C-alpha atoms as a PDB file:
ATOM      1  CA  MET A   1     -37.965 -12.751  31.297  1.00  0.00           C
ATOM      2  CA  GLN A   2     -35.478 -15.251  32.738  1.00  0.00           C
ATOM      3  CA  ASP A   3     -32.775 -16.586  30.405  1.00  0.00           C
ATOM      4  CA  PRO A   4     -33.612 -20.098  29.168  1.00  0.00           C
ATOM      5  CA  THR A   5     -31.270 -22.981  29.867  1.00  0.00           C
ATOM      6  CA  LEU A   6     -28.306 -23.293  27.509  1.00  0.00           C
ATOM      7  CA  ASP A   7     -26.491 -26.554  28.190  1.00  0.00           C
ATOM      8  CA  ALA A   8     -24.802 -29.036  25.852  1.00  0.00           C
ATOM      9  CA  GLU A   9     -28.045 -30.909  25.306  1.00  0.00           C
ATOM     10  CA  THR A  10     -29.808 -27.713  24.244  1.00  0.00           C
ATOM     11  CA  VAL A  11     -26.951 -26.690  21.946  1.00  0.00           C
ATOM     12  CA  THR A  12     -27.008 -30.132  20.327  1.00  0.00           C
ATOM     13  CA  ALA A  13     -30.765 -29.897  19.761  1.00  0.00           C
ATOM     14  CA  LEU A  14     -30.401 -26.471  18.153  1.00  0.00           C
ATOM     15  CA  VAL A  15     -27.823 -27.762  15.674  1.00  0.00           C
ATOM     16  CA  GLU A  16     -29.964 -30.813  14.935  1.00  0.00           C
ATOM     17  CA  ASP A  17     -32.740 -28.405  13.943  1.00  0.00           C
ATOM     18  CA  ALA A  18     -30.340 -26.304  11.861  1.00  0.00           C
ATOM     19  CA  ALA A  19     -29.073 -29.364  10.004  1.00  0.00           C
ATOM     20  CA  ALA A  20     -32.590 -30.265   8.840  1.00  0.00           C
ATOM     21  CA  ALA A  21     -32.103 -27.666   6.098  1.00  0.00           C
ATOM     22  CA  PRO A  22     -31.980 -28.558   2.405  1.00  0.00           C
ATOM     23  CA  SER A  23     -28.708 -28.493   0.499  1.00  0.00           C
ATOM     24  CA  MET A  24     -27.640 -29.378  -3.002  1.00  0.00           C
ATOM     25  CA  HIS A  25     -27.827 -33.169  -3.345  1.00  0.00           C
ATOM     26  CA  ASN A  26     -28.209 -33.276   0.459  1.00  0.00           C
ATOM     27  CA  ALA A  27     -24.447 -32.897   0.864  1.00  0.00           C
ATOM     28  CA  GLN A  28     -24.939 -30.971   4.156  1.00  0.00           C
ATOM     29  CA  PRO A  29     -21.850 -28.774   3.618  1.00  0.00           C
ATOM     30  CA  TRP A  30     -21.785 -27.139   7.048  1.00  0.00           C
ATOM     31  CA  LYS A  31     -19.926 -27.270  10.336  1.00  0.00           C
ATOM     32  CA  PHE A  32     -20.886 -25.581  13.607  1.00  0.00           C
ATOM     33  CA  ARG A  33     -18.836 -24.502  16.585  1.00  0.00           C
ATOM     34  CA  PHE A  34     -20.412 -23.214  19.786  1.00  0.00           C
ATOM     35  CA  LEU A  35     -18.356 -20.826  21.898  1.00  0.00           C
ATOM     36  CA  SER A  36     -19.899 -21.288  25.325  1.00  0.00           C
ATOM     37  CA  GLY A  37     -18.299 -18.251  26.920  1.00  0.00           C
ATOM     38  CA  ASP A  38     -19.722 -15.930  24.257  1.00  0.00           C
ATOM     39  CA  ARG A  39     -22.974 -17.854  23.703  1.00  0.00           C
ATOM     40  CA  THR A  40     -22.133 -17.719  20.005  1.00  0.00           C
ATOM     41  CA  PHE A  41     -22.430 -20.207  17.146  1.00  0.00           C
ATOM     42  CA  HIS A  42     -19.986 -20.121  14.257  1.00  0.00           C
ATOM     43  CA  LEU A  43     -21.186 -21.578  10.970  1.00  0.00           C
ATOM     44  CA  ARG A  44     -18.408 -22.721   8.658  1.00  0.00           C
ATOM     45  CA  ALA A  45     -18.359 -24.138   5.142  1.00  0.00           C
ATOM     46  CA  ASP A  46     -17.305 -27.784   4.874  1.00  0.00           C
ATOM     47  CA  LEU A  47     -15.376 -27.653   1.606  1.00  0.00           C
ATOM     48  CA  ASP A  48     -14.873 -31.428   1.629  1.00  0.00           C
ATOM     49  CA  ARG A  49     -18.550 -31.501   0.596  1.00  0.00           C
ATOM     50  CA  ALA A  50     -18.216 -29.011  -2.246  1.00  0.00           C
ATOM     51  CA  MET A  51     -19.158 -29.963  -5.810  1.00  0.00           C
ATOM     52  CA  PRO A  52     -16.469 -28.776  -8.210  1.00  0.00           C
ATOM     53  CA  ARG A  53     -18.358 -29.875 -11.301  1.00  0.00           C
ATOM     54  CA  SER A  54     -21.877 -28.637 -10.517  1.00  0.00           C
ATOM     55  CA  ASP A  55     -20.999 -25.755  -8.204  1.00  0.00           C
ATOM     56  CA  PRO A  56     -17.496 -24.480  -9.026  1.00  0.00           C
ATOM     57  CA  THR A  57     -17.983 -21.128  -7.256  1.00  0.00           C
ATOM     58  CA  ASN A  58     -19.586 -22.734  -4.154  1.00  0.00           C
ATOM     59  CA  ARG A  59     -22.687 -20.632  -4.710  1.00  0.00           C
ATOM     60  CA  ALA A  60     -25.033 -23.558  -4.006  1.00  0.00           C
ATOM     61  CA  LEU A  61     -22.928 -24.487  -0.977  1.00  0.00           C
ATOM     62  CA  HIS A  62     -23.591 -21.016   0.432  1.00  0.00           C
ATOM     63  CA  LEU A  63     -27.313 -21.382  -0.285  1.00  0.00           C
ATOM     64  CA  GLY A  64     -27.458 -24.603   1.730  1.00  0.00           C
ATOM     65  CA  CYS A  65     -25.479 -23.089   4.581  1.00  0.00           C
ATOM     66  CA  GLY A  66     -27.762 -20.042   4.501  1.00  0.00           C
ATOM     67  CA  ALA A  67     -30.767 -22.344   4.856  1.00  0.00           C
ATOM     68  CA  ALA A  68     -29.132 -24.059   7.840  1.00  0.00           C
ATOM     69  CA  LEU A  69     -28.383 -20.632   9.316  1.00  0.00           C
ATOM     70  CA  PHE A  70     -32.027 -19.649   9.047  1.00  0.00           C
ATOM     71  CA  ASN A  71     -33.109 -22.886  10.739  1.00  0.00           C
ATOM     72  CA  LEU A  72     -30.682 -22.095  13.561  1.00  0.00           C
ATOM     73  CA  ARG A  73     -32.251 -18.661  13.956  1.00  0.00           C
ATOM     74  CA  VAL A  74     -35.726 -20.207  14.078  1.00  0.00           C
ATOM     75  CA  ALA A  75     -34.670 -22.885  16.550  1.00  0.00           C
ATOM     76  CA  THR A  76     -32.937 -20.442  18.896  1.00  0.00           C
ATOM     77  CA  ALA A  77     -35.957 -18.130  18.845  1.00  0.00           C
ATOM     78  CA  HIS A  78     -38.204 -21.107  19.612  1.00  0.00           C
ATOM     79  CA  ALA A  79     -35.911 -22.015  22.515  1.00  0.00           C
ATOM     80  CA  GLY A  80     -36.322 -18.525  23.928  1.00  0.00           C
ATOM     81  CA  TRP A  81     -33.210 -16.731  22.666  1.00  0.00           C
ATOM     82  CA  GLU A  82     -32.773 -13.673  20.467  1.00  0.00           C
ATOM     83  CA  PRO A  83     -30.355 -14.638  17.630  1.00  0.00           C
ATOM     84  CA  THR A  84     -28.051 -11.780  16.615  1.00  0.00           C
ATOM     85  CA  THR A  85     -26.607 -12.755  13.245  1.00  0.00           C
ATOM     86  CA  HIS A  86     -23.594 -11.484  11.308  1.00  0.00           C
ATOM     87  CA  LEU A  87     -22.735 -12.745   7.821  1.00  0.00           C
ATOM     88  CA  LEU A  88     -19.084 -13.263   6.879  1.00  0.00           C
ATOM     89  CA  PRO A  89     -17.825 -11.720  10.133  1.00  0.00           C
ATOM     90  CA  GLU A  90     -14.111 -12.267   9.368  1.00  0.00           C
ATOM     91  CA  PRO A  91     -13.117 -11.148   5.843  1.00  0.00           C
ATOM     92  CA  ALA A  92      -9.764 -12.900   6.215  1.00  0.00           C
ATOM     93  CA  ASP A  93     -11.547 -16.197   6.938  1.00  0.00           C
ATOM     94  CA  PRO A  94     -14.055 -16.755   4.101  1.00  0.00           C
ATOM     95  CA  GLU A  95     -14.961 -20.244   5.327  1.00  0.00           C
ATOM     96  CA  LEU A  96     -16.501 -18.629   8.428  1.00  0.00           C
ATOM     97  CA  LEU A  97     -19.880 -17.883   6.901  1.00  0.00           C
ATOM     98  CA  ALA A  98     -21.804 -16.507   9.864  1.00  0.00           C
ATOM     99  CA  SER A  99     -21.904 -15.987  13.601  1.00  0.00           C
ATOM    100  CA  VAL A 100     -25.063 -16.187  15.682  1.00  0.00           C
ATOM    101  CA  ARG A 101     -24.905 -14.778  19.201  1.00  0.00           C
ATOM    102  CA  LEU A 102     -27.694 -15.657  21.610  1.00  0.00           C
ATOM    103  CA  ALA A 103     -28.203 -12.142  22.894  1.00  0.00           C
ATOM    104  CA  GLY A 104     -31.072 -12.599  25.314  1.00  0.00           C
ATOM    105  CA  PRO A 105     -34.592 -13.906  25.772  1.00  0.00           C
ATOM    106  CA  THR A 106     -37.162 -13.318  23.036  1.00  0.00           C
ATOM    107  CA  GLY A 107     -40.756 -12.232  23.318  1.00  0.00           C
ATOM    108  CA  PRO A 108     -43.615 -14.731  23.054  1.00  0.00           C
ATOM    109  CA  ASP A 109     -44.776 -13.521  19.592  1.00  0.00           C
ATOM    110  CA  ASP A 110     -41.481 -13.825  17.731  1.00  0.00           C
ATOM    111  CA  SER A 111     -42.133 -14.373  14.014  1.00  0.00           C
ATOM    112  CA  LEU A 112     -39.169 -16.733  13.688  1.00  0.00           C
ATOM    113  CA  ALA A 113     -40.381 -19.055  16.423  1.00  0.00           C
ATOM    114  CA  ALA A 114     -43.747 -19.370  14.673  1.00  0.00           C
ATOM    115  CA  LEU A 115     -42.010 -21.219  11.827  1.00  0.00           C
ATOM    116  CA  TYR A 116     -40.458 -23.844  14.095  1.00  0.00           C
ATOM    117  CA  PRO A 117     -43.137 -26.565  13.654  1.00  0.00           C
ATOM    118  CA  ALA A 118     -42.247 -26.781   9.952  1.00  0.00           C
ATOM    119  CA  ILE A 119     -38.509 -27.464  10.367  1.00  0.00           C
ATOM    120  CA  HIS A 120     -38.817 -31.247  10.559  1.00  0.00           C
ATOM    121  CA  ARG A 121     -41.973 -31.430   8.442  1.00  0.00           C
ATOM    122  CA  ARG A 122     -40.333 -29.799   5.425  1.00  0.00           C
ATOM    123  CA  HIS A 123     -39.077 -32.336   2.908  1.00  0.00           C
ATOM    124  CA  THR A 124     -38.343 -32.097  -0.785  1.00  0.00           C
ATOM    125  CA  SER A 125     -41.093 -33.803  -2.783  1.00  0.00           C
ATOM    126  CA  ARG A 126     -40.194 -35.303  -6.157  1.00  0.00           C
ATOM    127  CA  PHE A 127     -43.736 -36.517  -6.705  1.00  0.00           C
ATOM    128  CA  PRO A 128     -46.559 -35.182  -8.914  1.00  0.00           C
ATOM    129  CA  PHE A 129     -48.465 -32.129  -7.679  1.00  0.00           C
ATOM    130  CA  ASP A 130     -52.054 -31.108  -8.398  1.00  0.00           C
ATOM    131  CA  GLU A 131     -52.751 -28.684 -11.230  1.00  0.00           C
ATOM    132  CA  ARG A 132     -54.735 -26.268  -9.039  1.00  0.00           C
ATOM    133  CA  GLU A 133     -53.560 -22.698  -8.712  1.00  0.00           C
ATOM    134  CA  LEU A 134     -51.730 -21.300  -5.716  1.00  0.00           C
ATOM    135  CA  PRO A 135     -53.871 -18.740  -3.862  1.00  0.00           C
ATOM    136  CA  ALA A 136     -52.773 -15.164  -4.480  1.00  0.00           C
ATOM    137  CA  GLY A 137     -52.635 -14.518  -0.745  1.00  0.00           C
ATOM    138  CA  ILE A 138     -50.129 -17.325  -0.214  1.00  0.00           C
ATOM    139  CA  GLN A 139     -48.011 -16.102  -3.120  1.00  0.00           C
ATOM    140  CA  ALA A 140     -47.949 -12.649  -1.527  1.00  0.00           C
ATOM    141  CA  GLU A 141     -46.899 -14.076   1.848  1.00  0.00           C
ATOM    142  CA  LEU A 142     -44.080 -16.066   0.245  1.00  0.00           C
ATOM    143  CA  GLY A 143     -42.892 -12.977  -1.595  1.00  0.00           C
ATOM    144  CA  ASP A 144     -42.865 -11.025   1.656  1.00  0.00           C
ATOM    145  CA  ALA A 145     -40.868 -13.837   3.294  1.00  0.00           C
ATOM    146  CA  ALA A 146     -38.178 -13.452   0.625  1.00  0.00           C
ATOM    147  CA  ARG A 147     -38.040  -9.675   1.064  1.00  0.00           C
ATOM    148  CA  ARG A 148     -37.589 -10.014   4.806  1.00  0.00           C
ATOM    149  CA  GLU A 149     -34.301 -11.794   4.113  1.00  0.00           C
ATOM    150  CA  GLY A 150     -33.098  -9.381   1.450  1.00  0.00           C
ATOM    151  CA  ALA A 151     -34.114 -11.447  -1.571  1.00  0.00           C
ATOM    152  CA  GLN A 152     -36.863 -11.419  -4.196  1.00  0.00           C
ATOM    153  CA  LEU A 153     -39.378 -14.100  -5.165  1.00  0.00           C
ATOM    154  CA  ALA A 154     -40.989 -13.865  -8.596  1.00  0.00           C
ATOM    155  CA  PHE A 155     -43.800 -15.993  -9.988  1.00  0.00           C
ATOM    156  CA  PRO A 156     -43.109 -15.965 -13.726  1.00  0.00           C
ATOM    157  CA  SER A 157     -45.758 -15.845 -16.426  1.00  0.00           C
ATOM    158  CA  MET A 158     -46.526 -18.998 -18.389  1.00  0.00           C
ATOM    159  CA  TRP A 159     -44.311 -17.977 -21.315  1.00  0.00           C
ATOM    160  CA  HIS A 160     -41.328 -17.634 -18.984  1.00  0.00           C
ATOM    161  CA  VAL A 161     -42.194 -20.913 -17.271  1.00  0.00           C
ATOM    162  CA  GLU A 162     -41.886 -22.521 -20.715  1.00  0.00           C
ATOM    163  CA  THR A 163     -38.477 -20.866 -21.075  1.00  0.00           C
ATOM    164  CA  LEU A 164     -37.379 -22.316 -17.736  1.00  0.00           C
ATOM    165  CA  LEU A 165     -38.555 -25.766 -18.780  1.00  0.00           C
ATOM    166  CA  ASP A 166     -36.636 -25.467 -22.069  1.00  0.00           C
ATOM    167  CA  LEU A 167     -33.506 -24.457 -20.158  1.00  0.00           C
ATOM    168  CA  THR A 168     -33.902 -27.484 -17.895  1.00  0.00           C
ATOM    169  CA  HIS A 169     -34.177 -29.777 -20.915  1.00  0.00           C
ATOM    170  CA  ASP A 170     -31.062 -28.133 -22.350  1.00  0.00           C
ATOM    171  CA  ALA A 171     -29.194 -28.839 -19.099  1.00  0.00           C
ATOM    172  CA  GLU A 172     -30.370 -32.455 -19.162  1.00  0.00           C
ATOM    173  CA  GLY A 173     -29.148 -32.817 -22.727  1.00  0.00           C
ATOM    174  CA  ARG A 174     -25.732 -31.405 -21.878  1.00  0.00           C
ATOM    175  CA  GLU A 175     -25.455 -33.850 -18.997  1.00  0.00           C
ATOM    176  CA  THR A 176     -26.248 -36.741 -21.334  1.00  0.00           C
ATOM    177  CA  LEU A 177     -23.576 -35.683 -23.841  1.00  0.00           C
ATOM    178  CA  ASP A 178     -20.862 -34.970 -21.255  1.00  0.00           C
ATOM    179  CA  PRO A 179     -19.881 -38.088 -19.276  1.00  0.00           C
ATOM    180  CA  THR A 180     -18.231 -35.983 -16.544  1.00  0.00           C
ATOM    181  CA  ALA A 181     -21.340 -33.879 -15.905  1.00  0.00           C
ATOM    182  CA  PHE A 182     -22.952 -36.627 -13.813  1.00  0.00           C
ATOM    183  CA  GLU A 183     -20.007 -37.015 -11.428  1.00  0.00           C
ATOM    184  CA  ASP A 184     -21.440 -34.969  -8.555  1.00  0.00           C
ATOM    185  CA  VAL A 185     -24.847 -36.630  -8.839  1.00  0.00           C
ATOM    186  CA  ALA A 186     -23.236 -40.072  -8.812  1.00  0.00           C
ATOM    187  CA  ARG A 187     -21.199 -39.165  -5.731  1.00  0.00           C
ATOM    188  CA  TRP A 188     -24.198 -37.980  -3.742  1.00  0.00           C
ATOM    189  CA  THR A 189     -26.876 -40.537  -4.672  1.00  0.00           C
ATOM    190  CA  ARG A 190     -27.408 -43.852  -2.906  1.00  0.00           C
ATOM    191  CA  ILE A 191     -28.836 -46.397  -5.328  1.00  0.00           C
ATOM    192  CA  ASP A 192     -28.724 -49.804  -3.673  1.00  0.00           C
ATOM    193  CA  ALA A 193     -31.024 -50.551  -0.762  1.00  0.00           C
ATOM    194  CA  ALA A 194     -28.295 -51.323   1.766  1.00  0.00           C
ATOM    195  CA  THR A 195     -26.516 -48.032   1.143  1.00  0.00           C
ATOM    196  CA  ALA A 196     -29.766 -46.073   1.086  1.00  0.00           C
ATOM    197  CA  ASP A 197     -30.862 -47.503   4.434  1.00  0.00           C
ATOM    198  CA  THR A 198     -27.602 -46.657   6.211  1.00  0.00           C
ATOM    199  CA  ALA A 199     -26.667 -43.368   4.534  1.00  0.00           C
ATOM    200  CA  THR A 200     -26.262 -40.208   6.596  1.00  0.00           C
ATOM    201  CA  ASP A 201     -26.093 -37.863   3.620  1.00  0.00           C
ATOM    202  CA  GLY A 202     -26.866 -37.707  -0.078  1.00  0.00           C
ATOM    203  CA  ILE A 203     -30.116 -38.667  -1.779  1.00  0.00           C
ATOM    204  CA  PRO A 204     -31.238 -42.268  -1.267  1.00  0.00           C
ATOM    205  CA  ALA A 205     -33.153 -44.024  -4.036  1.00  0.00           C
ATOM    206  CA  TYR A 206     -36.392 -43.978  -2.034  1.00  0.00           C
ATOM    207  CA  ALA A 207     -36.369 -40.164  -2.289  1.00  0.00           C
ATOM    208  CA  PHE A 208     -35.958 -40.048  -6.091  1.00  0.00           C
ATOM    209  CA  GLY A 209     -39.702 -40.190  -6.635  1.00  0.00           C
ATOM    210  CA  PRO A 210     -41.230 -41.957  -9.634  1.00  0.00           C
ATOM    211  CA  ARG A 211     -39.794 -41.641 -13.102  1.00  0.00           C
ATOM    212  CA  GLN A 212     -41.725 -39.068 -15.109  1.00  0.00           C
ATOM    213  CA  ARG A 213     -43.637 -40.611 -18.013  1.00  0.00           C
ATOM    214  CA  ASP A 214     -45.695 -37.508 -18.795  1.00  0.00           C
ATOM    215  CA  GLY A 215     -45.937 -33.876 -17.766  1.00  0.00           C
ATOM    216  CA  LYS A 216     -43.584 -30.916 -17.639  1.00  0.00           C
ATOM    217  CA  ALA A 217     -42.497 -30.655 -14.006  1.00  0.00           C
ATOM    218  CA  PRO A 218     -38.745 -29.903 -13.818  1.00  0.00           C
ATOM    219  CA  VAL A 219     -37.923 -32.789 -11.493  1.00  0.00           C
ATOM    220  CA  ARG A 220     -34.354 -34.001 -11.807  1.00  0.00           C
ATOM    221  CA  ASP A 221     -33.980 -37.719 -12.364  1.00  0.00           C
ATOM    222  CA  PHE A 222     -31.205 -38.612  -9.959  1.00  0.00           C
ATOM    223  CA  ALA A 223     -31.093 -42.182 -11.233  1.00  0.00           C
ATOM    224  CA  GLY A 224     -29.908 -41.146 -14.663  1.00  0.00           C
ATOM    225  CA  ARG A 225     -29.496 -44.313 -16.672  1.00  0.00           C
ATOM    226  CA  ARG A 226     -28.921 -46.439 -13.597  1.00  0.00           C
ATOM    227  CA  PRO A 227     -31.620 -49.006 -12.759  1.00  0.00           C
ATOM    228  CA  VAL A 228     -33.497 -48.556  -9.479  1.00  0.00           C
ATOM    229  CA  ALA A 229     -35.432 -51.506  -8.100  1.00  0.00           C
ATOM    230  CA  ASP A 230     -39.194 -51.128  -7.522  1.00  0.00           C
ATOM    231  CA  ARG A 231     -39.311 -47.610  -8.944  1.00  0.00           C
ATOM    232  CA  GLY A 232     -42.519 -46.818 -10.766  1.00  0.00           C
ATOM    233  CA  THR A 233     -43.533 -44.103 -13.195  1.00  0.00           C
ATOM    234  CA  ALA A 234     -46.125 -41.352 -12.894  1.00  0.00           C
ATOM    235  CA  ALA A 235     -47.695 -38.492 -14.801  1.00  0.00           C
ATOM    236  CA  PHE A 236     -46.622 -35.107 -13.440  1.00  0.00           C
ATOM    237  CA  GLU A 237     -48.344 -31.740 -13.783  1.00  0.00           C
ATOM    238  CA  HIS A 238     -48.473 -30.081 -17.211  1.00  0.00           C
ATOM    239  CA  THR A 239     -48.595 -26.575 -15.745  1.00  0.00           C
ATOM    240  CA  PRO A 240     -46.023 -26.614 -12.917  1.00  0.00           C
ATOM    241  CA  HIS A 241     -46.093 -23.672 -10.538  1.00  0.00           C
ATOM    242  CA  LEU A 242     -42.566 -22.312 -10.469  1.00  0.00           C
ATOM    243  CA  ALA A 243     -41.011 -19.385  -8.631  1.00  0.00           C
ATOM    244  CA  LEU A 244     -37.650 -17.711  -9.063  1.00  0.00           C
ATOM    245  CA  LEU A 245     -35.701 -16.735  -5.966  1.00  0.00           C
ATOM    246  CA  GLY A 246     -33.057 -14.153  -6.689  1.00  0.00           C
ATOM    247  CA  THR A 247     -30.943 -11.275  -5.463  1.00  0.00           C
ATOM    248  CA  ALA A 248     -29.733  -7.947  -6.816  1.00  0.00           C
ATOM    249  CA  TYR A 249     -26.082  -8.968  -6.612  1.00  0.00           C
ATOM    250  CA  ASP A 250     -24.181 -12.245  -6.789  1.00  0.00           C
ATOM    251  CA  GLN A 251     -21.572 -12.341  -4.037  1.00  0.00           C
ATOM    252  CA  PRO A 252     -21.185 -14.759  -1.078  1.00  0.00           C
ATOM    253  CA  ALA A 253     -23.217 -12.512   1.234  1.00  0.00           C
ATOM    254  CA  ASP A 254     -26.028 -12.485  -1.346  1.00  0.00           C
ATOM    255  CA  TRP A 255     -25.919 -16.276  -1.584  1.00  0.00           C
ATOM    256  CA  LEU A 256     -26.207 -16.579   2.188  1.00  0.00           C
ATOM    257  CA  SER A 257     -29.141 -14.148   2.220  1.00  0.00           C
ATOM    258  CA  ALA A 258     -30.812 -16.115  -0.559  1.00  0.00           C
ATOM    259  CA  GLY A 259     -30.353 -19.347   1.391  1.00  0.00           C
ATOM    260  CA  GLN A 260     -32.034 -17.814   4.412  1.00  0.00           C
ATOM    261  CA  ALA A 261     -34.842 -16.480   2.248  1.00  0.00           C
ATOM    262  CA  LEU A 262     -35.224 -19.905   0.659  1.00  0.00           C
ATOM    263  CA  GLU A 263     -35.685 -21.629   3.997  1.00  0.00           C
ATOM    264  CA  ARG A 264     -38.093 -18.965   5.285  1.00  0.00           C
ATOM    265  CA  ILE A 265     -40.179 -19.533   2.137  1.00  0.00           C
ATOM    266  CA  LEU A 266     -40.045 -23.317   2.429  1.00  0.00           C
ATOM    267  CA  LEU A 267     -41.049 -23.339   6.097  1.00  0.00           C
ATOM    268  CA  LEU A 268     -43.912 -20.934   5.471  1.00  0.00           C
ATOM    269  CA  ALA A 269     -45.068 -22.944   2.458  1.00  0.00           C
ATOM    270  CA  THR A 270     -45.012 -26.108   4.573  1.00  0.00           C
ATOM    271  CA  LEU A 271     -47.208 -24.464   7.208  1.00  0.00           C
ATOM    272  CA  HIS A 272     -49.641 -23.563   4.412  1.00  0.00           C
ATOM    273  CA  GLY A 273     -49.854 -27.217   3.352  1.00  0.00           C
ATOM    274  CA  LEU A 274     -47.791 -26.860   0.194  1.00  0.00           C
ATOM    275  CA  ALA A 275     -45.380 -29.451  -1.115  1.00  0.00           C
ATOM    276  CA  THR A 276     -42.085 -28.091  -2.410  1.00  0.00           C
ATOM    277  CA  SER A 277     -39.107 -29.081  -4.469  1.00  0.00           C
ATOM    278  CA  LEU A 278     -36.055 -27.240  -5.775  1.00  0.00           C
ATOM    279  CA  THR A 279     -34.175 -27.288  -9.035  1.00  0.00           C
ATOM    280  CA  SER A 280     -30.796 -25.837  -9.869  1.00  0.00           C
ATOM    281  CA  HIS A 281     -30.184 -27.888 -13.019  1.00  0.00           C
ATOM    282  CA  ALA A 282     -30.398 -24.989 -15.459  1.00  0.00           C
ATOM    283  CA  LEU A 283     -28.481 -22.721 -13.091  1.00  0.00           C
ATOM    284  CA  GLU A 284     -25.362 -24.890 -13.057  1.00  0.00           C
ATOM    285  CA  SER A 285     -24.278 -23.533 -16.463  1.00  0.00           C
ATOM    286  CA  ARG A 286     -23.413 -19.859 -16.544  1.00  0.00           C
ATOM    287  CA  ASP A 287     -25.069 -19.164 -19.890  1.00  0.00           C
ATOM    288  CA  LEU A 288     -28.296 -20.978 -18.992  1.00  0.00           C
ATOM    289  CA  ARG A 289     -28.452 -19.298 -15.603  1.00  0.00           C
ATOM    290  CA  TRP A 290     -28.429 -15.863 -17.215  1.00  0.00           C
ATOM    291  CA  LEU A 291     -31.281 -16.865 -19.513  1.00  0.00           C
ATOM    292  CA  ALA A 292     -33.319 -18.015 -16.492  1.00  0.00           C
ATOM    293  CA  ARG A 293     -33.828 -14.385 -15.434  1.00  0.00           C
ATOM    294  CA  ASP A 294     -37.333 -13.054 -15.954  1.00  0.00           C
ATOM    295  CA  PRO A 295     -36.795  -9.829 -17.927  1.00  0.00           C
ATOM    296  CA  VAL A 296     -40.017  -8.251 -16.645  1.00  0.00           C
ATOM    297  CA  THR A 297     -38.655  -8.220 -13.071  1.00  0.00           C
ATOM    298  CA  ALA A 298     -35.797  -6.286 -11.519  1.00  0.00           C
ATOM    299  CA  MET A 299     -34.166  -9.501 -10.290  1.00  0.00           C
ATOM    300  CA  GLY A 300     -30.463  -9.375 -10.994  1.00  0.00           C
ATOM    301  CA  TYR A 301     -29.465 -13.011 -10.426  1.00  0.00           C
ATOM    302  CA  VAL A 302     -31.550 -16.161 -10.088  1.00  0.00           C
ATOM    303  CA  GLN A 303     -30.294 -18.266  -7.190  1.00  0.00           C
ATOM    304  CA  ILE A 304     -32.764 -21.198  -7.206  1.00  0.00           C
ATOM    305  CA  VAL A 305     -35.987 -22.276  -8.906  1.00  0.00           C
ATOM    306  CA  LEU A 306     -38.783 -23.501  -6.634  1.00  0.00           C
ATOM    307  CA  ARG A 307     -41.622 -25.813  -7.606  1.00  0.00           C
ATOM    308  CA  LEU A 308     -44.672 -25.371  -5.389  1.00  0.00           C
ATOM    309  CA  GLY A 309     -48.016 -27.100  -5.260  1.00  0.00           C
ATOM    310  CA  TYR A 310     -50.417 -29.413  -3.526  1.00  0.00           C
ATOM    311  CA  GLY A 311     -49.196 -32.972  -3.410  1.00  0.00           C
ATOM    312  CA  PRO A 312     -47.605 -35.645  -1.245  1.00  0.00           C
ATOM    313  CA  GLU A 313     -44.882 -34.675   1.160  1.00  0.00           C
ATOM    314  CA  GLY A 314     -41.553 -36.153   0.209  1.00  0.00           C
ATOM    315  CA  PRO A 315     -39.812 -38.664   2.449  1.00  0.00           C
ATOM    316  CA  ALA A 316     -37.239 -37.495   4.959  1.00  0.00           C
ATOM    317  CA  THR A 317     -33.688 -37.769   3.698  1.00  0.00           C
ATOM    318  CA  PRO A 318     -30.856 -38.818   6.026  1.00  0.00           C
ATOM    319  CA  ARG A 319     -28.893 -36.429   8.208  1.00  0.00           C
ATOM    320  CA  ARG A 320     -25.388 -36.659   9.596  1.00  0.00           C
ATOM    321  CA  PRO A 321     -25.117 -37.238  13.348  1.00  0.00           C
ATOM    322  CA  VAL A 322     -24.825 -33.937  15.186  1.00  0.00           C
ATOM    323  CA  ARG A 323     -21.508 -35.067  16.692  1.00  0.00           C
ATOM    324  CA  ASP A 324     -20.067 -34.979  13.154  1.00  0.00           C
ATOM    325  CA  VAL A 325     -21.020 -31.356  12.523  1.00  0.00           C
ATOM    326  CA  LEU A 326     -20.767 -29.706  15.964  1.00  0.00           C
ATOM    327  CA  ASP A 327     -17.885 -28.783  18.255  1.00  0.00           C
ATOM    328  CA  ILE A 328     -18.520 -27.152  21.633  1.00  0.00           C
ATOM    329  CA  ASP A 329     -15.837 -25.000  23.260  1.00  0.00           C
END
C-alpha cells in the first residue's frame, strides 16, 4: 500500500480532528508539535489552561489531553497511517504527554478508522434524556472499548447511582458555601451573547442546556446564580443511566489512558445513537471522589462519571483555531 500524502494541510486537518475532543469546561489544554522529519506528533499540556481550584493535580487536564490523543489516533488511521503511540516518552519533561509516530499505511479494516465519523458528531448534551434502558449489548461494547484502552467501565446498580447523585448534591452544596469554588467555572463560561458567539474556548451559554426543574440527572448548572437570557427549564430523567470510568492506579499515565478510553467510549456511543454528557463535580473533592467508587467492582479510582441515554445531541462548542495549538517543524 502506498504511503498517503502528509503535507501541512493534512497535518492541520489531523490536529483539527484531535482538538474536537472534550475537556473540562472546554478549556482545550493541549498543544501539538509535528516533527516533519520523523513524521511524529508531540502532544504537550498547556498549563496556562489548568484549573488550580477544580483540578489541582491536573488529573482532568490529562483526561482531556488523552481524549485529544485518541482522536488523533483515529484521525491518522482514517487518513491511512498507522499511529504508534508512546505515553510520557520523556520522564524529565512531564509536560510532554505523548508522542504519535505515523509508522506506515494502515489496512482497510482498522478499528480506529471506523470511529472517525463520530469525531465531529460527538457533543456533550446537557438536555433531558429518555427513561428507556440502554441495551445490554451496547453496554457490553462500551465496556470492551474501555478495556481496549486499559481502563474499566462499570454500570452501577440503582443504589450506587443514588449514592453518586447524593455526592453530586454534596459537591453543589460545597460550591454554594465556598465563594472561591466557582472561580474556574466563572473563568471558562461565556454568559453574554456577544462573548458566546465569538468565543473559541469555554462553555457558551447556549450549551448550558435548560435549567433543571425536576428529575435527578447530574447535570452541572454552569450558570450558577447568574441570569442567562432566554434560558428555559425542563424536567430531566428520574432514573439517569450513569457509568463509572476508572483505572487500577491513579498516576499521569493512568489519566491519559482513561482519557483515551473515555473518547473511544464516547465515539462508539455516538455511532450507536446515544447522547452523552460527563460530570466530574463529585470527583473534584478528594473525599467525595473516594466515595464515588462502586465497592462491588475492582475499580481502584474513578476518573469520570458518564451519563448516557437517548436524547437530543448537544450543540457544538467552540474550538480554538488550529494555528493556536499546532507548530510544524
